[in-house]
Each structure stands twice: as C-alpha cells, then as structure tokens.
N, C-alpha and C. Protein backbone atom coordinates (compact mmCIF):
# COMPACT_ATOMS: atom_id res chain seq x y z
N MET A 1 -0.67 -25.39 -32.84
CA MET A 1 -1.77 -24.54 -32.43
C MET A 1 -1.74 -24.28 -30.93
N LYS A 2 -1.44 -25.31 -30.14
CA LYS A 2 -1.41 -25.16 -28.70
C LYS A 2 -0.33 -24.18 -28.27
N THR A 3 0.79 -24.20 -28.96
CA THR A 3 1.89 -23.30 -28.62
C THR A 3 1.50 -21.85 -28.84
N LYS A 4 0.82 -21.55 -29.96
CA LYS A 4 0.38 -20.17 -30.24
C LYS A 4 -0.61 -19.71 -29.18
N LYS A 5 -1.53 -20.57 -28.84
CA LYS A 5 -2.54 -20.22 -27.84
C LYS A 5 -1.88 -19.98 -26.49
N ARG A 6 -0.94 -20.81 -26.13
CA ARG A 6 -0.23 -20.68 -24.86
C ARG A 6 0.56 -19.36 -24.81
N LYS A 7 1.23 -19.03 -25.92
CA LYS A 7 1.97 -17.77 -25.98
C LYS A 7 1.04 -16.58 -25.86
N SER A 8 -0.12 -16.66 -26.50
CA SER A 8 -1.10 -15.57 -26.42
C SER A 8 -1.59 -15.39 -24.98
N ILE A 9 -1.84 -16.48 -24.30
CA ILE A 9 -2.30 -16.42 -22.92
C ILE A 9 -1.22 -15.81 -22.03
N ILE A 10 0.01 -16.20 -22.24
CA ILE A 10 1.12 -15.65 -21.46
C ILE A 10 1.26 -14.15 -21.70
N ILE A 11 1.11 -13.72 -22.93
CA ILE A 11 1.20 -12.29 -23.25
C ILE A 11 0.07 -11.52 -22.57
N VAL A 12 -1.14 -12.05 -22.61
CA VAL A 12 -2.28 -11.38 -21.96
C VAL A 12 -2.05 -11.28 -20.46
N ILE A 13 -1.57 -12.34 -19.85
CA ILE A 13 -1.30 -12.32 -18.41
C ILE A 13 -0.21 -11.30 -18.08
N ALA A 14 0.82 -11.25 -18.89
CA ALA A 14 1.91 -10.29 -18.66
C ALA A 14 1.41 -8.86 -18.78
N VAL A 15 0.58 -8.59 -19.77
CA VAL A 15 0.03 -7.24 -19.95
C VAL A 15 -0.84 -6.86 -18.75
N LEU A 16 -1.67 -7.78 -18.30
CA LEU A 16 -2.52 -7.51 -17.14
C LEU A 16 -1.68 -7.26 -15.89
N ALA A 17 -0.62 -8.01 -15.71
CA ALA A 17 0.26 -7.81 -14.55
C ALA A 17 0.91 -6.44 -14.60
N ILE A 18 1.35 -6.03 -15.76
CA ILE A 18 1.96 -4.70 -15.92
C ILE A 18 0.94 -3.61 -15.62
N MET A 19 -0.28 -3.80 -16.09
CA MET A 19 -1.33 -2.80 -15.83
C MET A 19 -1.62 -2.69 -14.34
N LEU A 20 -1.65 -3.80 -13.63
CA LEU A 20 -1.88 -3.77 -12.19
C LEU A 20 -0.76 -3.04 -11.46
N VAL A 21 0.47 -3.25 -11.88
CA VAL A 21 1.60 -2.56 -11.27
C VAL A 21 1.50 -1.06 -11.51
N ILE A 22 1.14 -0.66 -12.71
CA ILE A 22 1.01 0.76 -13.03
C ILE A 22 -0.11 1.38 -12.21
N ILE A 23 -1.23 0.71 -12.10
CA ILE A 23 -2.35 1.23 -11.32
C ILE A 23 -1.96 1.38 -9.85
N ALA A 24 -1.31 0.38 -9.29
CA ALA A 24 -0.89 0.45 -7.89
C ALA A 24 0.11 1.57 -7.67
N ALA A 25 1.00 1.79 -8.62
CA ALA A 25 2.02 2.83 -8.46
C ALA A 25 1.44 4.23 -8.56
N THR A 26 0.38 4.40 -9.33
CA THR A 26 -0.18 5.73 -9.51
C THR A 26 -1.26 6.05 -8.48
N GLU A 27 -1.74 5.03 -7.77
CA GLU A 27 -2.74 5.25 -6.74
C GLU A 27 -2.10 6.01 -5.59
N SER A 28 -2.85 6.92 -5.00
CA SER A 28 -2.27 7.74 -3.94
C SER A 28 -1.94 6.91 -2.70
N LYS A 29 -0.88 7.28 -2.05
CA LYS A 29 -0.42 6.60 -0.84
C LYS A 29 -1.27 7.07 0.35
N PRO A 30 -1.30 6.27 1.41
CA PRO A 30 -2.06 6.66 2.60
C PRO A 30 -1.53 7.95 3.22
N ILE A 31 -2.44 8.68 3.84
CA ILE A 31 -2.05 9.89 4.56
C ILE A 31 -2.56 9.78 6.00
N VAL A 32 -1.91 10.50 6.89
CA VAL A 32 -2.27 10.51 8.31
C VAL A 32 -2.99 11.81 8.62
N TRP A 33 -4.17 11.68 9.22
CA TRP A 33 -4.88 12.86 9.72
C TRP A 33 -4.36 13.09 11.14
N LYS A 34 -3.47 14.07 11.29
CA LYS A 34 -2.77 14.30 12.55
C LYS A 34 -3.73 14.58 13.70
N GLU A 35 -4.84 15.26 13.43
CA GLU A 35 -5.78 15.58 14.51
C GLU A 35 -6.49 14.34 15.04
N SER A 36 -6.55 13.28 14.25
CA SER A 36 -7.20 12.03 14.68
C SER A 36 -6.21 11.00 15.21
N CYS A 37 -4.94 11.14 14.86
CA CYS A 37 -3.93 10.17 15.25
C CYS A 37 -3.61 10.29 16.74
N THR A 38 -3.68 9.15 17.43
CA THR A 38 -3.37 9.12 18.87
C THR A 38 -1.95 8.65 19.14
N GLY A 39 -1.25 8.21 18.10
CA GLY A 39 0.11 7.72 18.27
C GLY A 39 0.18 6.34 18.89
N CYS A 40 -0.89 5.56 18.78
CA CYS A 40 -0.94 4.23 19.41
C CYS A 40 0.07 3.27 18.79
N GLY A 41 0.42 3.47 17.52
CA GLY A 41 1.42 2.64 16.86
C GLY A 41 0.89 1.39 16.19
N ASP A 42 -0.42 1.17 16.22
CA ASP A 42 -0.98 -0.02 15.56
C ASP A 42 -0.61 -0.06 14.09
N CYS A 43 -0.72 1.05 13.41
CA CYS A 43 -0.40 1.10 11.98
C CYS A 43 1.07 0.73 11.74
N ALA A 44 1.95 1.23 12.59
CA ALA A 44 3.38 0.93 12.45
C ALA A 44 3.66 -0.54 12.72
N ASN A 45 2.95 -1.11 13.68
CA ASN A 45 3.16 -2.52 14.02
C ASN A 45 2.72 -3.45 12.89
N TYR A 46 1.72 -3.06 12.14
CA TYR A 46 1.20 -3.92 11.06
C TYR A 46 1.83 -3.64 9.70
N CYS A 47 2.57 -2.57 9.56
CA CYS A 47 3.17 -2.23 8.26
C CYS A 47 4.22 -3.29 7.90
N PRO A 48 4.02 -4.00 6.77
CA PRO A 48 4.94 -5.08 6.41
C PRO A 48 6.31 -4.60 5.94
N VAL A 49 6.44 -3.32 5.61
CA VAL A 49 7.73 -2.81 5.11
C VAL A 49 8.32 -1.75 6.04
N ASN A 50 7.77 -1.64 7.25
CA ASN A 50 8.26 -0.67 8.24
C ASN A 50 8.33 0.75 7.69
N ALA A 51 7.28 1.15 6.99
CA ALA A 51 7.25 2.49 6.39
C ALA A 51 6.62 3.52 7.33
N ILE A 52 6.18 3.08 8.52
CA ILE A 52 5.50 4.00 9.44
C ILE A 52 6.24 4.02 10.76
N LYS A 53 6.48 5.22 11.26
CA LYS A 53 7.08 5.43 12.57
C LYS A 53 6.18 6.39 13.34
N VAL A 54 6.17 6.25 14.64
CA VAL A 54 5.47 7.22 15.48
C VAL A 54 6.51 8.21 15.98
N ILE A 55 6.35 9.46 15.58
CA ILE A 55 7.29 10.52 15.95
C ILE A 55 6.51 11.64 16.62
N ASN A 56 6.95 12.02 17.81
CA ASN A 56 6.27 13.05 18.60
C ASN A 56 4.78 12.75 18.77
N GLY A 57 4.47 11.46 18.98
CA GLY A 57 3.10 11.07 19.26
C GLY A 57 2.17 10.98 18.07
N LYS A 58 2.72 11.04 16.86
CA LYS A 58 1.89 10.95 15.65
C LYS A 58 2.56 10.02 14.64
N ALA A 59 1.74 9.29 13.90
CA ALA A 59 2.26 8.41 12.86
C ALA A 59 2.78 9.22 11.69
N VAL A 60 3.92 8.79 11.18
CA VAL A 60 4.53 9.44 10.01
C VAL A 60 4.85 8.33 9.00
N ILE A 61 4.38 8.51 7.77
CA ILE A 61 4.57 7.50 6.73
C ILE A 61 5.72 7.90 5.81
N ASP A 62 6.63 6.98 5.61
CA ASP A 62 7.72 7.16 4.64
C ASP A 62 7.19 6.65 3.29
N HIS A 63 6.76 7.57 2.44
CA HIS A 63 6.14 7.19 1.17
C HIS A 63 7.12 6.55 0.19
N GLU A 64 8.40 6.70 0.43
CA GLU A 64 9.40 6.03 -0.41
C GLU A 64 9.36 4.52 -0.15
N ARG A 65 9.12 4.13 1.09
CA ARG A 65 9.10 2.71 1.46
C ARG A 65 7.71 2.09 1.31
N CYS A 66 6.68 2.90 1.39
CA CYS A 66 5.30 2.42 1.37
C CYS A 66 5.01 1.68 0.06
N VAL A 67 4.40 0.49 0.20
CA VAL A 67 4.03 -0.30 -0.97
C VAL A 67 2.54 -0.24 -1.24
N ASN A 68 1.86 0.63 -0.54
CA ASN A 68 0.43 0.90 -0.77
C ASN A 68 -0.46 -0.31 -0.51
N CYS A 69 -0.11 -1.10 0.49
CA CYS A 69 -0.92 -2.29 0.80
C CYS A 69 -2.19 -1.92 1.57
N LYS A 70 -2.20 -0.75 2.18
CA LYS A 70 -3.34 -0.21 2.91
C LYS A 70 -3.65 -0.94 4.23
N LEU A 71 -2.72 -1.76 4.72
CA LEU A 71 -2.93 -2.41 6.02
C LEU A 71 -3.03 -1.38 7.13
N CYS A 72 -2.30 -0.30 7.00
CA CYS A 72 -2.34 0.74 8.03
C CYS A 72 -3.74 1.33 8.16
N ILE A 73 -4.40 1.52 7.03
CA ILE A 73 -5.74 2.09 7.03
C ILE A 73 -6.72 1.14 7.71
N THR A 74 -6.61 -0.13 7.41
CA THR A 74 -7.57 -1.10 7.96
C THR A 74 -7.31 -1.39 9.44
N THR A 75 -6.09 -1.17 9.93
CA THR A 75 -5.78 -1.46 11.33
C THR A 75 -5.96 -0.26 12.24
N CYS A 76 -6.09 0.92 11.71
CA CYS A 76 -6.25 2.12 12.55
C CYS A 76 -7.66 2.17 13.12
N THR A 77 -7.76 2.01 14.43
CA THR A 77 -9.07 2.01 15.09
C THR A 77 -9.64 3.43 15.26
N PHE A 78 -8.82 4.43 14.98
CA PHE A 78 -9.25 5.81 15.16
C PHE A 78 -9.58 6.51 13.85
N GLY A 79 -9.44 5.80 12.73
CA GLY A 79 -9.74 6.38 11.43
C GLY A 79 -8.83 7.53 11.06
N ALA A 80 -7.58 7.45 11.53
CA ALA A 80 -6.65 8.55 11.31
C ALA A 80 -5.88 8.42 10.00
N LEU A 81 -6.08 7.34 9.29
CA LEU A 81 -5.39 7.15 8.02
C LEU A 81 -6.39 7.02 6.89
N GLU A 82 -6.03 7.58 5.77
CA GLU A 82 -6.92 7.53 4.59
C GLU A 82 -6.10 7.25 3.36
C-alpha cells in the first residue's frame, strides 16, 4: 500500500512540476520601455543569465537567453522594465 501511495505522490509532483514549466514558458518575457530606460545597467548587472546588455544607452533583452526570473524588473529603479 505504501508503495502505491508513494508512486501516486511522485506522479502528482511530476505533473505539477511540468505544469509550472509550461506556465513559465508561456508567460511573456520582460520588455524595456526605451523612453524610461536611462541605460544605468542595473538590470544587466543583476541578470543571472546575462540576457541583458546596454546598447546605445538603452537596455536590450535577449529573449532567447532570458529565463523569465523577473529580477530585471524588480531591480530597475526607473520602472523601465515590465
């Protein structure tokens, strides 16, 4: 009985993990509001996967590399990321 219950719990956890991955993948990636961006680079400095570069004084996000952690949004003091 314990084995069946354990397998059921593992299956439920696996399904929930897959659902979370799907939700994260379909959620929209951050965008930069160019008129608000000062090019300070805070977002680039905090990006854990180096998906943000400051080019010509504005932040540019590489959405291929972005893992959607949203650290850039929370670290931008100018509200230039959404």
